[in-house]
């Protein structure tokens, strides 16, 4: 009986984050060539290749200038902390063969 009660409590705690996430407003980013897409909270800042500077306003930039897309976590939620910035980005990685082809022609 204790095991069943413990399982019910654990299941209840697991569902709490799921309900919290569904209430958050999101947007979907799709790459221009439709190679990838992802869903992100609407209060995150998005910067794309060639327009990354607005996302690099932190002391230590969190976006690489060559990334295809960079998504920055809103630092304003952590104003009274030492949080500097966080992001995730999508960057194209080339093989040695692809680099050699680009150099040849």
Protein backbone atom coordinates (compact mmCIF):
# COMPACT_ATOMS: atom_id res chain seq x y z
CA UNK A 1 0.00 0.00 0.00
CA UNK A 2 2.87 2.40 0.79
CA UNK A 3 4.44 1.63 -2.58
CA UNK A 4 1.21 2.54 -4.38
CA UNK A 5 0.90 5.80 -2.44
CA UNK A 6 4.53 6.65 -3.22
CA UNK A 7 3.98 5.95 -6.93
CA UNK A 8 0.89 8.17 -6.99
CA UNK A 9 2.82 11.01 -5.33
CA UNK A 10 5.75 10.63 -7.74
CA UNK A 11 3.40 10.63 -10.73
CA UNK A 12 1.78 13.82 -9.44
CA UNK A 13 5.14 15.56 -9.15
CA UNK A 14 6.12 14.46 -12.65
CA UNK A 15 2.99 16.02 -14.13
CA UNK A 16 3.53 19.45 -12.56
CA UNK A 17 6.27 20.54 -15.02
CA UNK A 18 4.26 19.25 -17.98
CA UNK A 19 1.28 21.44 -17.12
CA UNK A 20 3.55 24.44 -16.47
CA UNK A 21 5.23 24.09 -19.86
CA UNK A 22 2.02 23.85 -21.84
CA UNK A 23 0.83 27.18 -20.44
CA UNK A 24 3.94 28.97 -21.75
CA UNK A 25 3.55 30.72 -25.11
CA UNK A 26 5.93 29.44 -27.75
CA UNK A 27 6.97 30.12 -31.30
CA UNK A 28 8.53 27.87 -33.93
CA UNK A 29 11.72 28.67 -35.83
CA UNK A 30 12.21 26.97 -39.20
CA UNK A 31 15.45 27.34 -41.14
CA UNK A 32 15.22 28.95 -44.56
CA UNK A 33 16.04 25.65 -46.27
CA UNK A 34 13.66 23.67 -43.98
CA UNK A 35 16.60 21.54 -42.78
CA UNK A 36 15.64 21.99 -39.10
CA UNK A 37 13.13 23.61 -36.81
CA UNK A 38 12.62 24.03 -33.10
CA UNK A 39 10.09 25.45 -30.67
CA UNK A 40 11.14 28.12 -28.17
CA UNK A 41 9.47 30.40 -25.60
CA UNK A 42 8.42 33.70 -27.17
CA UNK A 43 10.37 35.77 -24.67
CA UNK A 44 13.68 34.31 -25.92
CA UNK A 45 15.63 36.47 -28.39
CA UNK A 46 16.37 35.00 -31.83
CA UNK A 47 19.23 36.13 -34.08
CA UNK A 48 20.15 34.70 -37.47
CA UNK A 49 23.33 34.60 -39.55
CA UNK A 50 24.50 38.08 -40.47
CA UNK A 51 22.33 39.65 -37.75
CA UNK A 52 23.84 38.16 -34.58
CA UNK A 53 25.05 41.42 -32.98
CA UNK A 54 21.80 42.13 -31.05
CA UNK A 55 22.17 38.74 -29.34
CA UNK A 56 25.77 39.42 -28.28
CA UNK A 57 25.17 42.25 -25.83
CA UNK A 58 26.47 40.41 -22.76
CA UNK A 59 29.97 40.96 -21.37
CA UNK A 60 30.99 37.59 -22.79
CA UNK A 61 29.05 37.11 -26.06
CA UNK A 62 26.87 34.02 -25.99
CA UNK A 63 26.43 33.82 -29.78
CA UNK A 64 29.04 32.92 -32.37
CA UNK A 65 29.04 35.35 -35.30
CA UNK A 66 28.97 32.44 -37.78
CA UNK A 67 26.02 30.58 -36.27
CA UNK A 68 22.99 29.93 -38.45
CA UNK A 69 20.67 30.87 -35.60
CA UNK A 70 21.25 31.81 -31.96
CA UNK A 71 18.58 31.74 -29.26
CA UNK A 72 19.27 33.81 -26.14
CA UNK A 73 17.70 33.19 -22.75
CA UNK A 74 16.22 36.42 -21.29
CA UNK A 75 18.69 37.70 -18.68
CA UNK A 76 16.17 40.21 -17.29
CA UNK A 77 14.58 37.39 -15.30
CA UNK A 78 17.82 37.17 -13.29
CA UNK A 79 18.56 40.88 -12.71
CA UNK A 80 19.57 40.48 -9.07
CA UNK A 81 21.98 37.61 -9.71
CA UNK A 82 25.37 37.19 -11.34
CA UNK A 83 23.77 35.50 -14.37
CA UNK A 84 25.57 36.84 -17.43
CA UNK A 85 23.77 35.13 -20.28
CA UNK A 86 22.97 31.81 -21.87
CA UNK A 87 22.04 30.65 -25.33
CA UNK A 88 21.91 27.75 -27.69
CA UNK A 89 22.89 28.01 -31.30
CA UNK A 90 22.91 26.03 -34.52
CA UNK A 91 26.20 26.09 -36.41
CA UNK A 92 27.11 24.33 -39.62
CA UNK A 93 30.10 22.01 -39.23
CA UNK A 94 32.06 21.13 -42.34
CA UNK A 95 34.15 18.01 -42.99
CA UNK A 96 37.72 18.33 -44.23
CA UNK A 97 36.53 17.27 -47.71
CA UNK A 98 33.94 20.07 -47.82
CA UNK A 99 36.54 22.62 -46.73
CA UNK A 100 38.98 21.39 -49.40
CA UNK A 101 36.25 21.66 -52.11
CA UNK A 102 35.48 25.22 -51.07
CA UNK A 103 39.17 26.14 -51.19
CA UNK A 104 39.54 24.64 -54.70
CA UNK A 105 36.77 26.41 -56.33
